[in-house]
Amino acid sequence: MPYPAGHRATVKKNIIESARKLFNRHGFENVSIGQIMAGTGLTHGGFYTYFKGKSDLYAEVLGCFFTDPEWKDCWKGVHVDLSSTDVGPQVVRAYLSRQHLENVENSCPMTALPTDVARSNPRARQAFEEVFKGMVSVLERSLIQNGQTRRITAQALAALCVGGMVVARAVSDRRLADSLRDACMTVALQLGGWPNKKRSPQQRSKKINAGARRNPLTTSH
């Protein structure tokens, strides 16, 4: 019985998804083809119907929502509308979010795999470069002019977001990781000329207290 239409594309997509999660979690060198195929419910031998080898697959794993329209937004509670006029600050907040920090398997590959890419073949390096360029282009679209050319600022913003998340992932102190993310987010939003909507604990406390004073149910008679 022949496979239904679209079967091959679906299987290939499932292999890429399985590999992406495993590579993000364990690194390229520590993941076998057998493990990747087990994640799809298929045998090791079926892999070579779709890819020449693990390095061939690796280049396709390096997609992200900047370049792949099929990439799903997997960071719970985080949404990026690529068609929005203010997509730049959305990307900064999403990329440096706690959800992205915690969801290692669904990371953007630029934060999980940079050292692997640097040691990999030219095709993987080119794929990484395309993802980074895609991020720069998205940021540039909604960048407010601030005395520098838009492309230079967008490149600096992208590097700050990626580098900030890489360092936050590398430290063991969770409070330090959160502080690093917040610092990078604040500077990135300032660099882009975008308002930082996140209120400090002191500001949130003032708002709560002000609300309580205005609430007649809390007013003594």
N, C-alpha and C. Protein backbone atom coordinates (compact mmCIF):
# COMPACT_ATOMS: atom_id res chain seq x y z
N MET A 1 0.85 -1.20 0.00
CA MET A 1 0.00 0.00 0.00
C MET A 1 0.89 1.25 0.00
N PRO A 2 0.66 2.17 -0.95
CA PRO A 2 1.50 3.38 -1.01
C PRO A 2 1.23 4.30 0.18
N TYR A 3 2.26 5.06 0.52
CA TYR A 3 2.09 6.02 1.61
C TYR A 3 1.21 7.18 1.15
N PRO A 4 0.47 7.81 2.06
CA PRO A 4 -0.37 8.94 1.68
C PRO A 4 0.48 10.12 1.24
N ALA A 5 -0.14 11.04 0.52
CA ALA A 5 0.56 12.24 0.05
C ALA A 5 1.10 13.01 1.25
N GLY A 6 2.31 13.48 1.12
CA GLY A 6 2.92 14.26 2.19
C GLY A 6 3.62 13.43 3.25
N HIS A 7 3.59 12.10 3.09
CA HIS A 7 4.20 11.23 4.11
C HIS A 7 5.68 11.51 4.28
N ARG A 8 6.39 11.59 3.17
CA ARG A 8 7.85 11.78 3.24
C ARG A 8 8.20 13.10 3.93
N ALA A 9 7.47 14.17 3.58
CA ALA A 9 7.75 15.48 4.20
C ALA A 9 7.47 15.43 5.70
N THR A 10 6.43 14.71 6.10
CA THR A 10 6.08 14.61 7.51
C THR A 10 7.15 13.86 8.28
N VAL A 11 7.62 12.73 7.72
CA VAL A 11 8.65 11.95 8.40
C VAL A 11 9.93 12.76 8.53
N LYS A 12 10.32 13.44 7.47
CA LYS A 12 11.55 14.24 7.52
C LYS A 12 11.44 15.33 8.58
N LYS A 13 10.29 15.96 8.65
CA LYS A 13 10.07 17.00 9.66
C LYS A 13 10.17 16.43 11.06
N ASN A 14 9.64 15.21 11.27
CA ASN A 14 9.70 14.56 12.58
C ASN A 14 11.13 14.21 12.96
N ILE A 15 11.93 13.80 11.99
CA ILE A 15 13.33 13.50 12.26
C ILE A 15 14.07 14.77 12.67
N ILE A 16 13.83 15.87 11.96
CA ILE A 16 14.46 17.14 12.29
C ILE A 16 14.06 17.61 13.69
N GLU A 17 12.79 17.44 14.02
CA GLU A 17 12.30 17.85 15.34
C GLU A 17 12.95 17.02 16.44
N SER A 18 13.04 15.71 16.23
CA SER A 18 13.68 14.84 17.21
C SER A 18 15.15 15.21 17.40
N ALA A 19 15.84 15.44 16.28
CA ALA A 19 17.26 15.80 16.35
C ALA A 19 17.46 17.14 17.03
N ARG A 20 16.62 18.09 16.73
CA ARG A 20 16.77 19.42 17.33
C ARG A 20 16.69 19.35 18.85
N LYS A 21 15.72 18.62 19.37
CA LYS A 21 15.57 18.50 20.82
C LYS A 21 16.76 17.79 21.45
N LEU A 22 17.21 16.71 20.81
CA LEU A 22 18.34 15.96 21.35
C LEU A 22 19.64 16.74 21.25
N PHE A 23 19.87 17.41 20.13
CA PHE A 23 21.08 18.22 19.98
C PHE A 23 21.10 19.36 21.01
N ASN A 24 19.96 20.01 21.18
CA ASN A 24 19.88 21.11 22.15
C ASN A 24 20.17 20.63 23.57
N ARG A 25 19.69 19.44 23.88
CA ARG A 25 19.83 18.91 25.24
C ARG A 25 21.23 18.34 25.49
N HIS A 26 21.79 17.61 24.50
CA HIS A 26 23.01 16.84 24.74
C HIS A 26 24.22 17.26 23.90
N GLY A 27 24.00 18.08 22.86
CA GLY A 27 25.09 18.44 21.96
C GLY A 27 25.17 17.49 20.79
N PHE A 28 25.76 17.96 19.71
CA PHE A 28 25.81 17.21 18.47
C PHE A 28 26.58 15.89 18.62
N GLU A 29 27.75 15.94 19.24
CA GLU A 29 28.61 14.77 19.31
C GLU A 29 28.03 13.66 20.18
N ASN A 30 27.19 14.01 21.14
CA ASN A 30 26.71 13.03 22.11
C ASN A 30 25.39 12.39 21.72
N VAL A 31 24.90 12.66 20.53
CA VAL A 31 23.62 12.10 20.08
C VAL A 31 23.87 11.20 18.88
N SER A 32 23.32 9.98 18.92
CA SER A 32 23.49 9.03 17.83
C SER A 32 22.29 9.08 16.88
N ILE A 33 22.50 8.57 15.69
CA ILE A 33 21.40 8.47 14.72
C ILE A 33 20.29 7.57 15.27
N GLY A 34 20.69 6.50 15.96
CA GLY A 34 19.70 5.61 16.56
C GLY A 34 18.80 6.33 17.54
N GLN A 35 19.38 7.20 18.38
CA GLN A 35 18.59 7.97 19.34
C GLN A 35 17.63 8.92 18.63
N ILE A 36 18.14 9.54 17.57
CA ILE A 36 17.29 10.46 16.81
C ILE A 36 16.09 9.73 16.22
N MET A 37 16.35 8.58 15.61
CA MET A 37 15.26 7.83 14.97
C MET A 37 14.32 7.22 15.99
N ALA A 38 14.84 6.85 17.15
CA ALA A 38 13.97 6.32 18.21
C ALA A 38 12.94 7.37 18.64
N GLY A 39 13.34 8.62 18.58
CA GLY A 39 12.42 9.70 18.94
C GLY A 39 11.28 9.87 17.97
N THR A 40 11.41 9.27 16.79
CA THR A 40 10.34 9.33 15.78
C THR A 40 9.60 8.01 15.65
N GLY A 41 10.07 6.98 16.38
CA GLY A 41 9.46 5.67 16.28
C GLY A 41 9.91 4.88 15.07
N LEU A 42 11.02 5.28 14.46
CA LEU A 42 11.52 4.62 13.26
C LEU A 42 12.87 3.95 13.55
N THR A 43 13.32 3.10 12.62
CA THR A 43 14.57 2.39 12.79
C THR A 43 15.75 3.20 12.27
N HIS A 44 16.93 2.81 12.71
CA HIS A 44 18.16 3.48 12.32
C HIS A 44 18.33 3.51 10.81
N GLY A 45 18.02 2.40 10.14
CA GLY A 45 18.22 2.30 8.71
C GLY A 45 17.40 3.28 7.89
N GLY A 46 16.23 3.65 8.40
CA GLY A 46 15.37 4.57 7.67
C GLY A 46 15.92 5.97 7.57
N PHE A 47 16.89 6.29 8.41
CA PHE A 47 17.47 7.63 8.43
C PHE A 47 18.05 8.00 7.07
N TYR A 48 18.74 7.06 6.42
CA TYR A 48 19.48 7.36 5.20
C TYR A 48 18.58 7.52 3.98
N THR A 49 17.30 7.29 4.16
CA THR A 49 16.35 7.60 3.10
C THR A 49 16.15 9.10 2.98
N TYR A 50 16.44 9.82 4.08
CA TYR A 50 16.15 11.25 4.14
C TYR A 50 17.41 12.11 4.23
N PHE A 51 18.50 11.57 4.79
CA PHE A 51 19.71 12.36 4.99
C PHE A 51 20.94 11.52 4.66
N LYS A 52 21.99 12.19 4.18
CA LYS A 52 23.24 11.49 3.85
C LYS A 52 23.99 11.08 5.11
N GLY A 53 23.84 11.88 6.16
CA GLY A 53 24.53 11.60 7.41
C GLY A 53 24.08 12.59 8.47
N LYS A 54 24.64 12.46 9.67
CA LYS A 54 24.23 13.32 10.77
C LYS A 54 24.58 14.78 10.51
N SER A 55 25.70 15.04 9.85
CA SER A 55 26.07 16.42 9.55
C SER A 55 25.10 17.06 8.56
N ASP A 56 24.59 16.26 7.63
CA ASP A 56 23.61 16.75 6.67
C ASP A 56 22.33 17.16 7.40
N LEU A 57 21.93 16.36 8.37
CA LEU A 57 20.75 16.68 9.19
C LEU A 57 21.00 17.92 10.03
N TYR A 58 22.21 18.03 10.54
CA TYR A 58 22.56 19.12 11.46
C TYR A 58 22.27 20.49 10.87
N ALA A 59 22.58 20.66 9.61
CA ALA A 59 22.35 21.96 8.96
C ALA A 59 20.87 22.31 8.94
N GLU A 60 20.01 21.32 8.78
CA GLU A 60 18.57 21.59 8.73
C GLU A 60 17.99 21.83 10.12
N VAL A 61 18.64 21.29 11.14
CA VAL A 61 18.18 21.51 12.51
C VAL A 61 18.34 22.97 12.92
N LEU A 62 19.25 23.69 12.27
CA LEU A 62 19.60 25.05 12.68
C LEU A 62 18.57 26.10 12.27
N GLY A 63 17.37 25.69 11.95
CA GLY A 63 16.32 26.66 11.65
C GLY A 63 15.73 27.24 12.93
N CYS A 64 15.07 28.37 12.81
CA CYS A 64 14.38 28.98 13.94
C CYS A 64 13.25 29.82 13.38
N PHE A 65 12.49 30.47 14.24
CA PHE A 65 11.31 31.18 13.74
C PHE A 65 11.67 32.38 12.86
N PHE A 66 12.95 32.77 12.85
CA PHE A 66 13.37 33.86 11.98
C PHE A 66 13.44 33.43 10.51
N THR A 67 13.67 32.14 10.29
CA THR A 67 13.87 31.66 8.93
C THR A 67 12.93 30.54 8.52
N ASP A 68 12.27 29.91 9.49
CA ASP A 68 11.43 28.74 9.19
C ASP A 68 9.98 29.03 9.56
N PRO A 69 9.09 29.21 8.58
CA PRO A 69 7.69 29.52 8.88
C PRO A 69 6.96 28.38 9.58
N GLU A 70 7.52 27.17 9.51
CA GLU A 70 6.90 26.02 10.16
C GLU A 70 7.37 25.83 11.60
N TRP A 71 8.36 26.63 12.03
CA TRP A 71 8.87 26.51 13.39
C TRP A 71 7.81 26.98 14.36
N LYS A 72 7.46 26.13 15.30
CA LYS A 72 6.39 26.45 16.24
C LYS A 72 6.92 27.22 17.43
N ASP A 73 6.10 28.15 17.91
CA ASP A 73 6.45 28.92 19.10
C ASP A 73 6.24 28.02 20.31
N CYS A 74 7.33 27.47 20.83
CA CYS A 74 7.23 26.47 21.89
C CYS A 74 7.48 27.04 23.28
N TRP A 75 7.70 28.32 23.40
CA TRP A 75 7.98 28.90 24.71
C TRP A 75 6.67 29.35 25.31
N LYS A 76 6.17 28.61 26.27
CA LYS A 76 4.84 28.81 26.84
C LYS A 76 4.67 30.24 27.35
N GLY A 77 3.59 30.87 26.91
CA GLY A 77 3.29 32.23 27.34
C GLY A 77 4.02 33.30 26.56
N VAL A 78 4.84 32.90 25.58
CA VAL A 78 5.61 33.87 24.79
C VAL A 78 5.12 33.81 23.35
N HIS A 79 4.84 34.98 22.78
CA HIS A 79 4.35 35.03 21.41
C HIS A 79 5.08 36.13 20.65
N VAL A 80 5.45 35.81 19.42
CA VAL A 80 6.09 36.80 18.55
C VAL A 80 5.29 36.86 17.25
N ASP A 81 4.80 38.05 16.92
CA ASP A 81 4.06 38.26 15.68
C ASP A 81 5.02 38.88 14.67
N LEU A 82 5.52 38.05 13.75
CA LEU A 82 6.53 38.53 12.79
C LEU A 82 5.97 39.56 11.82
N SER A 83 4.65 39.68 11.73
CA SER A 83 4.04 40.67 10.83
C SER A 83 3.78 42.00 11.53
N SER A 84 4.04 42.04 12.83
CA SER A 84 3.75 43.25 13.61
C SER A 84 4.76 44.35 13.33
N THR A 85 4.31 45.60 13.45
CA THR A 85 5.22 46.73 13.26
C THR A 85 6.20 46.88 14.41
N ASP A 86 5.88 46.30 15.58
CA ASP A 86 6.79 46.39 16.72
C ASP A 86 7.38 45.02 17.04
N VAL A 87 7.71 44.27 16.00
CA VAL A 87 8.25 42.92 16.19
C VAL A 87 9.61 42.95 16.89
N GLY A 88 10.38 44.02 16.73
CA GLY A 88 11.71 44.10 17.33
C GLY A 88 11.70 43.89 18.83
N PRO A 89 10.98 44.72 19.59
CA PRO A 89 10.95 44.51 21.04
C PRO A 89 10.31 43.18 21.43
N GLN A 90 9.38 42.67 20.61
CA GLN A 90 8.81 41.34 20.89
C GLN A 90 9.89 40.28 20.84
N VAL A 91 10.76 40.37 19.83
CA VAL A 91 11.84 39.38 19.67
C VAL A 91 12.81 39.47 20.85
N VAL A 92 13.17 40.69 21.24
CA VAL A 92 14.10 40.86 22.36
C VAL A 92 13.53 40.24 23.63
N ARG A 93 12.26 40.55 23.93
CA ARG A 93 11.64 40.03 25.16
C ARG A 93 11.49 38.52 25.10
N ALA A 94 11.13 37.99 23.94
CA ALA A 94 10.95 36.55 23.80
C ALA A 94 12.28 35.83 23.93
N TYR A 95 13.29 36.33 23.24
CA TYR A 95 14.58 35.66 23.20
C TYR A 95 15.24 35.62 24.58
N LEU A 96 15.08 36.70 25.34
CA LEU A 96 15.70 36.78 26.65
C LEU A 96 14.72 36.44 27.77
N SER A 97 13.64 35.77 27.44
CA SER A 97 12.62 35.40 28.42
C SER A 97 13.07 34.23 29.29
N ARG A 98 12.47 34.12 30.45
CA ARG A 98 12.74 32.97 31.32
C ARG A 98 12.28 31.68 30.65
N GLN A 99 11.17 31.76 29.88
CA GLN A 99 10.67 30.57 29.20
C GLN A 99 11.72 30.00 28.23
N HIS A 100 12.39 30.89 27.50
CA HIS A 100 13.43 30.42 26.58
C HIS A 100 14.60 29.85 27.35
N LEU A 101 14.95 30.46 28.45
CA LEU A 101 16.05 29.97 29.29
C LEU A 101 15.77 28.54 29.76
N GLU A 102 14.54 28.30 30.19
CA GLU A 102 14.20 27.02 30.80
C GLU A 102 13.91 25.92 29.79
N ASN A 103 13.40 26.28 28.62
CA ASN A 103 13.00 25.28 27.65
C ASN A 103 14.17 24.93 26.74
N VAL A 104 15.08 24.14 27.27
CA VAL A 104 16.33 23.84 26.56
C VAL A 104 16.06 23.08 25.26
N GLU A 105 15.18 22.10 25.30
CA GLU A 105 14.93 21.28 24.12
C GLU A 105 14.39 22.09 22.95
N ASN A 106 13.63 23.13 23.25
CA ASN A 106 13.04 23.95 22.20
C ASN A 106 13.76 25.28 22.02
N SER A 107 15.03 25.30 22.37
CA SER A 107 15.82 26.52 22.24
C SER A 107 16.01 26.91 20.78
N CYS A 108 16.22 28.20 20.57
CA CYS A 108 16.77 28.62 19.29
C CYS A 108 18.17 28.02 19.21
N PRO A 109 18.54 27.37 18.11
CA PRO A 109 19.83 26.70 18.03
C PRO A 109 21.03 27.63 18.17
N MET A 110 20.84 28.92 17.97
CA MET A 110 21.97 29.83 18.11
C MET A 110 22.45 29.91 19.55
N THR A 111 21.59 29.60 20.53
CA THR A 111 22.02 29.62 21.92
C THR A 111 22.50 28.26 22.38
N ALA A 112 21.98 27.20 21.80
CA ALA A 112 22.32 25.86 22.26
C ALA A 112 23.53 25.26 21.56
N LEU A 113 23.78 25.67 20.32
CA LEU A 113 24.76 24.95 19.50
C LEU A 113 25.90 25.79 18.92
N PRO A 114 26.22 26.96 19.44
CA PRO A 114 27.24 27.78 18.77
C PRO A 114 28.61 27.15 18.71
N THR A 115 29.05 26.49 19.79
CA THR A 115 30.39 25.88 19.76
C THR A 115 30.42 24.68 18.83
N ASP A 116 29.31 23.93 18.78
CA ASP A 116 29.23 22.80 17.85
C ASP A 116 29.32 23.30 16.41
N VAL A 117 28.63 24.39 16.12
CA VAL A 117 28.65 24.95 14.77
C VAL A 117 30.05 25.40 14.38
N ALA A 118 30.74 26.04 15.31
CA ALA A 118 32.08 26.53 15.02
C ALA A 118 33.04 25.41 14.63
N ARG A 119 32.77 24.20 15.13
CA ARG A 119 33.63 23.06 14.81
C ARG A 119 33.08 22.21 13.66
N SER A 120 31.94 22.60 13.13
CA SER A 120 31.26 21.77 12.15
C SER A 120 31.68 22.12 10.72
N ASN A 121 30.95 21.51 9.76
CA ASN A 121 31.30 21.70 8.35
C ASN A 121 30.75 23.02 7.81
N PRO A 122 31.19 23.45 6.63
CA PRO A 122 30.76 24.75 6.09
C PRO A 122 29.25 24.87 5.93
N ARG A 123 28.55 23.78 5.60
CA ARG A 123 27.10 23.86 5.42
C ARG A 123 26.41 24.24 6.73
N ALA A 124 26.86 23.64 7.84
CA ALA A 124 26.26 23.97 9.14
C ALA A 124 26.55 25.41 9.51
N ARG A 125 27.77 25.86 9.26
CA ARG A 125 28.13 27.25 9.56
C ARG A 125 27.30 28.22 8.73
N GLN A 126 27.06 27.86 7.47
CA GLN A 126 26.23 28.70 6.61
C GLN A 126 24.79 28.75 7.12
N ALA A 127 24.27 27.60 7.60
CA ALA A 127 22.91 27.56 8.13
C ALA A 127 22.79 28.44 9.37
N PHE A 128 23.80 28.38 10.25
CA PHE A 128 23.82 29.22 11.44
C PHE A 128 23.82 30.70 11.05
N GLU A 129 24.64 31.02 10.07
CA GLU A 129 24.73 32.40 9.60
C GLU A 129 23.39 32.90 9.06
N GLU A 130 22.68 32.03 8.35
CA GLU A 130 21.38 32.43 7.79
C GLU A 130 20.37 32.72 8.90
N VAL A 131 20.39 31.92 9.96
CA VAL A 131 19.49 32.16 11.09
C VAL A 131 19.82 33.50 11.74
N PHE A 132 21.11 33.76 11.94
CA PHE A 132 21.50 35.03 12.56
C PHE A 132 21.10 36.21 11.67
N LYS A 133 21.34 36.10 10.37
CA LYS A 133 20.94 37.16 9.45
C LYS A 133 19.42 37.36 9.48
N GLY A 134 18.68 36.25 9.61
CA GLY A 134 17.23 36.36 9.70
C GLY A 134 16.80 37.14 10.93
N MET A 135 17.47 36.89 12.06
CA MET A 135 17.16 37.62 13.28
C MET A 135 17.48 39.09 13.11
N VAL A 136 18.62 39.40 12.51
CA VAL A 136 19.00 40.79 12.28
C VAL A 136 17.96 41.49 11.41
N SER A 137 17.51 40.84 10.36
CA SER A 137 16.51 41.45 9.46
C SER A 137 15.21 41.73 10.18
N VAL A 138 14.77 40.79 11.03
CA VAL A 138 13.53 40.99 11.78
C VAL A 138 13.66 42.18 12.72
N LEU A 139 14.78 42.27 13.43
CA LEU A 139 15.00 43.39 14.35
C LEU A 139 15.08 44.71 13.60
N GLU A 140 15.73 44.69 12.46
CA GLU A 140 15.94 45.92 11.69
C GLU A 140 14.63 46.52 11.20
N ARG A 141 13.64 45.67 10.92
CA ARG A 141 12.37 46.15 10.36
C ARG A 141 11.67 47.15 11.27
N SER A 142 11.76 46.94 12.58
CA SER A 142 11.05 47.85 13.48
C SER A 142 11.99 48.69 14.33
N LEU A 143 13.23 48.81 13.89
CA LEU A 143 14.21 49.55 14.67
C LEU A 143 14.01 51.05 14.53
N ILE A 144 13.99 51.72 15.64
CA ILE A 144 13.89 53.18 15.67
C ILE A 144 15.29 53.76 15.51
N GLN A 145 15.43 54.70 14.58
CA GLN A 145 16.75 55.31 14.32
C GLN A 145 17.27 56.00 15.57
N ASN A 146 18.53 55.75 15.90
CA ASN A 146 19.09 56.36 17.11
C ASN A 146 20.53 56.82 16.90
N GLY A 147 20.82 57.32 15.72
CA GLY A 147 22.14 57.88 15.47
C GLY A 147 23.10 56.94 14.78
N GLN A 148 22.75 55.66 14.69
CA GLN A 148 23.58 54.71 13.98
C GLN A 148 22.78 54.13 12.82
N THR A 149 23.47 53.51 11.88
CA THR A 149 22.74 52.87 10.81
C THR A 149 21.92 51.71 11.38
N ARG A 150 20.78 51.45 10.80
CA ARG A 150 19.88 50.43 11.31
C ARG A 150 20.52 49.05 11.34
N ARG A 151 21.27 48.69 10.30
CA ARG A 151 21.87 47.36 10.23
C ARG A 151 22.88 47.14 11.34
N ILE A 152 23.72 48.13 11.61
CA ILE A 152 24.73 47.99 12.67
C ILE A 152 24.06 47.78 14.02
N THR A 153 23.04 48.57 14.30
CA THR A 153 22.34 48.44 15.57
C THR A 153 21.63 47.10 15.66
N ALA A 154 21.01 46.67 14.58
CA ALA A 154 20.31 45.39 14.58
C ALA A 154 21.28 44.23 14.81
N GLN A 155 22.46 44.29 14.21
CA GLN A 155 23.46 43.25 14.42
C GLN A 155 23.90 43.21 15.89
N ALA A 156 24.11 44.39 16.48
CA ALA A 156 24.51 44.45 17.88
C ALA A 156 23.41 43.91 18.78
N LEU A 157 22.16 44.22 18.47
CA LEU A 157 21.03 43.72 19.25
C LEU A 157 20.95 42.20 19.19
N ALA A 158 21.08 41.65 17.99
CA ALA A 158 21.01 40.19 17.83
C ALA A 158 22.13 39.51 18.61
N ALA A 159 23.34 40.05 18.51
CA ALA A 159 24.47 39.47 19.23
C ALA A 159 24.27 39.57 20.73
N LEU A 160 23.70 40.67 21.20
CA LEU A 160 23.45 40.85 22.63
C LEU A 160 22.43 39.83 23.14
N CYS A 161 21.38 39.60 22.35
CA CYS A 161 20.35 38.63 22.74
C CYS A 161 20.92 37.21 22.78
N VAL A 162 21.60 36.83 21.71
CA VAL A 162 22.15 35.47 21.64
C VAL A 162 23.21 35.27 22.72
N GLY A 163 24.16 36.21 22.79
CA GLY A 163 25.23 36.08 23.78
C GLY A 163 24.72 36.11 25.21
N GLY A 164 23.73 36.96 25.46
CA GLY A 164 23.17 37.03 26.80
C GLY A 164 22.54 35.72 27.22
N MET A 165 21.82 35.06 26.31
CA MET A 165 21.19 33.80 26.65
C MET A 165 22.23 32.69 26.79
N VAL A 166 23.28 32.72 25.97
CA VAL A 166 24.35 31.72 26.09
C VAL A 166 25.00 31.79 27.47
N VAL A 167 25.31 33.00 27.93
CA VAL A 167 25.95 33.16 29.24
C VAL A 167 24.98 32.79 30.35
N ALA A 168 23.72 33.20 30.24
CA ALA A 168 22.73 32.87 31.26
C ALA A 168 22.57 31.36 31.40
N ARG A 169 22.66 30.65 30.27
CA ARG A 169 22.57 29.19 30.30
C ARG A 169 23.81 28.56 30.93
N ALA A 170 24.93 29.23 30.83
CA ALA A 170 26.20 28.64 31.27
C ALA A 170 26.42 28.74 32.77
N VAL A 171 25.79 29.70 33.44
CA VAL A 171 26.01 29.86 34.88
C VAL A 171 25.08 28.96 35.66
N SER A 172 25.50 28.56 36.85
CA SER A 172 24.69 27.65 37.67
C SER A 172 23.78 28.40 38.64
N ASP A 173 24.12 29.64 38.95
CA ASP A 173 23.32 30.44 39.88
C ASP A 173 22.11 31.00 39.14
N ARG A 174 20.92 30.55 39.52
CA ARG A 174 19.71 30.96 38.81
C ARG A 174 19.44 32.46 38.97
N ARG A 175 19.73 33.01 40.13
CA ARG A 175 19.52 34.44 40.32
C ARG A 175 20.44 35.26 39.43
N LEU A 176 21.68 34.79 39.27
CA LEU A 176 22.61 35.47 38.38
C LEU A 176 22.13 35.37 36.94
N ALA A 177 21.63 34.19 36.56
CA ALA A 177 21.12 34.00 35.19
C ALA A 177 19.96 34.95 34.91
N ASP A 178 19.05 35.09 35.87
CA ASP A 178 17.92 35.99 35.68
C ASP A 178 18.38 37.44 35.63
N SER A 179 19.36 37.78 36.46
CA SER A 179 19.89 39.14 36.46
C SER A 179 20.57 39.46 35.13
N LEU A 180 21.30 38.49 34.59
CA LEU A 180 21.95 38.68 33.28
C LEU A 180 20.92 38.88 32.18
N ARG A 181 19.87 38.07 32.19
CA ARG A 181 18.82 38.22 31.18
C ARG A 181 18.17 39.60 31.27
N ASP A 182 17.84 40.00 32.48
CA ASP A 182 17.19 41.30 32.67
C ASP A 182 18.11 42.44 32.22
N ALA A 183 19.39 42.32 32.54
CA ALA A 183 20.34 43.37 32.15
C ALA A 183 20.45 43.46 30.64
N CYS A 184 20.57 42.32 29.97
CA CYS A 184 20.68 42.31 28.51
C CYS A 184 19.40 42.84 27.88
N MET A 185 18.25 42.47 28.45
CA MET A 185 16.98 42.93 27.90
C MET A 185 16.85 44.45 28.03
N THR A 186 17.21 44.98 29.19
CA THR A 186 17.14 46.43 29.41
C THR A 186 18.02 47.19 28.42
N VAL A 187 19.26 46.74 28.27
CA VAL A 187 20.20 47.42 27.37
C VAL A 187 19.74 47.27 25.91
N ALA A 188 19.25 46.08 25.54
CA ALA A 188 18.80 45.84 24.16
C ALA A 188 17.62 46.74 23.81
N LEU A 189 16.67 46.85 24.71
CA LEU A 189 15.51 47.70 24.45
C LEU A 189 15.91 49.16 24.36
N GLN A 190 16.85 49.58 25.21
CA GLN A 190 17.35 50.95 25.13
C GLN A 190 18.08 51.19 23.82
N LEU A 191 18.89 50.24 23.40
CA LEU A 191 19.65 50.35 22.16
C LEU A 191 18.72 50.46 20.95
N GLY A 192 17.59 49.74 21.02
CA GLY A 192 16.63 49.79 19.93
C GLY A 192 15.71 51.00 19.99
N GLY A 193 15.75 51.73 21.09
CA GLY A 193 14.85 52.88 21.25
C GLY A 193 13.44 52.46 21.60
N TRP A 194 13.30 51.25 22.18
CA TRP A 194 11.98 50.74 22.53
C TRP A 194 11.73 50.87 24.03
N PRO A 195 10.50 51.14 24.43
CA PRO A 195 10.20 51.27 25.86
C PRO A 195 10.32 49.92 26.56
N ASN A 196 10.83 49.95 27.78
CA ASN A 196 10.89 48.74 28.59
C ASN A 196 9.64 48.70 29.46
N LYS A 197 8.73 47.83 29.09
CA LYS A 197 7.44 47.76 29.77
C LYS A 197 7.51 47.04 31.11
N LYS A 198 8.62 46.38 31.36
CA LYS A 198 8.74 45.62 32.59
C LYS A 198 8.97 46.56 33.76
N ARG A 199 8.11 46.45 34.77
CA ARG A 199 8.23 47.31 35.96
C ARG A 199 9.11 46.63 37.00
N SER A 200 9.84 47.45 37.73
CA SER A 200 10.67 46.93 38.81
C SER A 200 9.78 46.48 39.96
N PRO A 201 10.30 45.65 40.91
CA PRO A 201 9.51 45.27 42.08
C PRO A 201 9.00 46.47 42.85
N GLN A 202 9.82 47.55 42.93
CA GLN A 202 9.39 48.74 43.65
C GLN A 202 8.21 49.41 42.96
N GLN A 203 8.25 49.45 41.61
CA GLN A 203 7.15 50.04 40.86
C GLN A 203 5.87 49.22 41.00
N ARG A 204 6.02 47.87 40.96
CA ARG A 204 4.84 47.02 41.12
C ARG A 204 4.24 47.19 42.49
N SER A 205 5.10 47.33 43.53
CA SER A 205 4.63 47.52 44.88
C SER A 205 3.87 48.82 45.02
N LYS A 206 4.40 49.91 44.40
CA LYS A 206 3.73 51.20 44.45
C LYS A 206 2.36 51.14 43.80
N LYS A 207 2.25 50.42 42.67
CA LYS A 207 0.98 50.32 41.97
C LYS A 207 -0.04 49.57 42.82
N ILE A 208 0.41 48.46 43.45
CA ILE A 208 -0.50 47.68 44.30
C ILE A 208 -0.99 48.52 45.47
N ASN A 209 -0.04 49.25 46.11
CA ASN A 209 -0.42 50.09 47.25
C ASN A 209 -1.36 51.21 46.84
N ALA A 210 -1.11 51.79 45.67
CA ALA A 210 -1.98 52.87 45.19
C ALA A 210 -3.38 52.33 44.91
N GLY A 211 -3.44 51.13 44.34
CA GLY A 211 -4.73 50.52 44.06
C GLY A 211 -5.50 50.23 45.34
N ALA A 212 -4.78 49.80 46.37
CA ALA A 212 -5.42 49.50 47.64
C ALA A 212 -5.98 50.75 48.28
N ARG A 213 -5.24 51.88 48.12
CA ARG A 213 -5.72 53.12 48.71
C ARG A 213 -6.98 53.62 48.00
N ARG A 214 -7.08 53.31 46.67
CA ARG A 214 -8.25 53.77 45.93
C ARG A 214 -9.45 52.85 46.10
N ASN A 215 -9.23 51.64 46.58
CA ASN A 215 -10.31 50.66 46.68
C ASN A 215 -11.16 50.96 47.90
N PRO A 216 -12.44 51.30 47.74
CA PRO A 216 -13.28 51.64 48.90
C PRO A 216 -13.48 50.47 49.83
N LEU A 217 -13.31 49.23 49.34
CA LEU A 217 -13.51 48.07 50.19
C LEU A 217 -12.41 47.94 51.22
N THR A 218 -11.27 48.61 50.97
CA THR A 218 -10.15 48.53 51.91
C THR A 218 -10.04 49.78 52.76
N THR A 219 -10.97 50.70 52.60
CA THR A 219 -10.93 51.98 53.30
C THR A 219 -11.66 51.87 54.63
N SER A 220 -11.03 52.32 55.70
CA SER A 220 -11.66 52.28 57.01
C SER A 220 -12.72 53.34 57.10
N HIS A 221 -13.80 53.05 57.85
CA HIS A 221 -14.87 54.01 58.06
C HIS A 221 -14.89 54.42 59.51
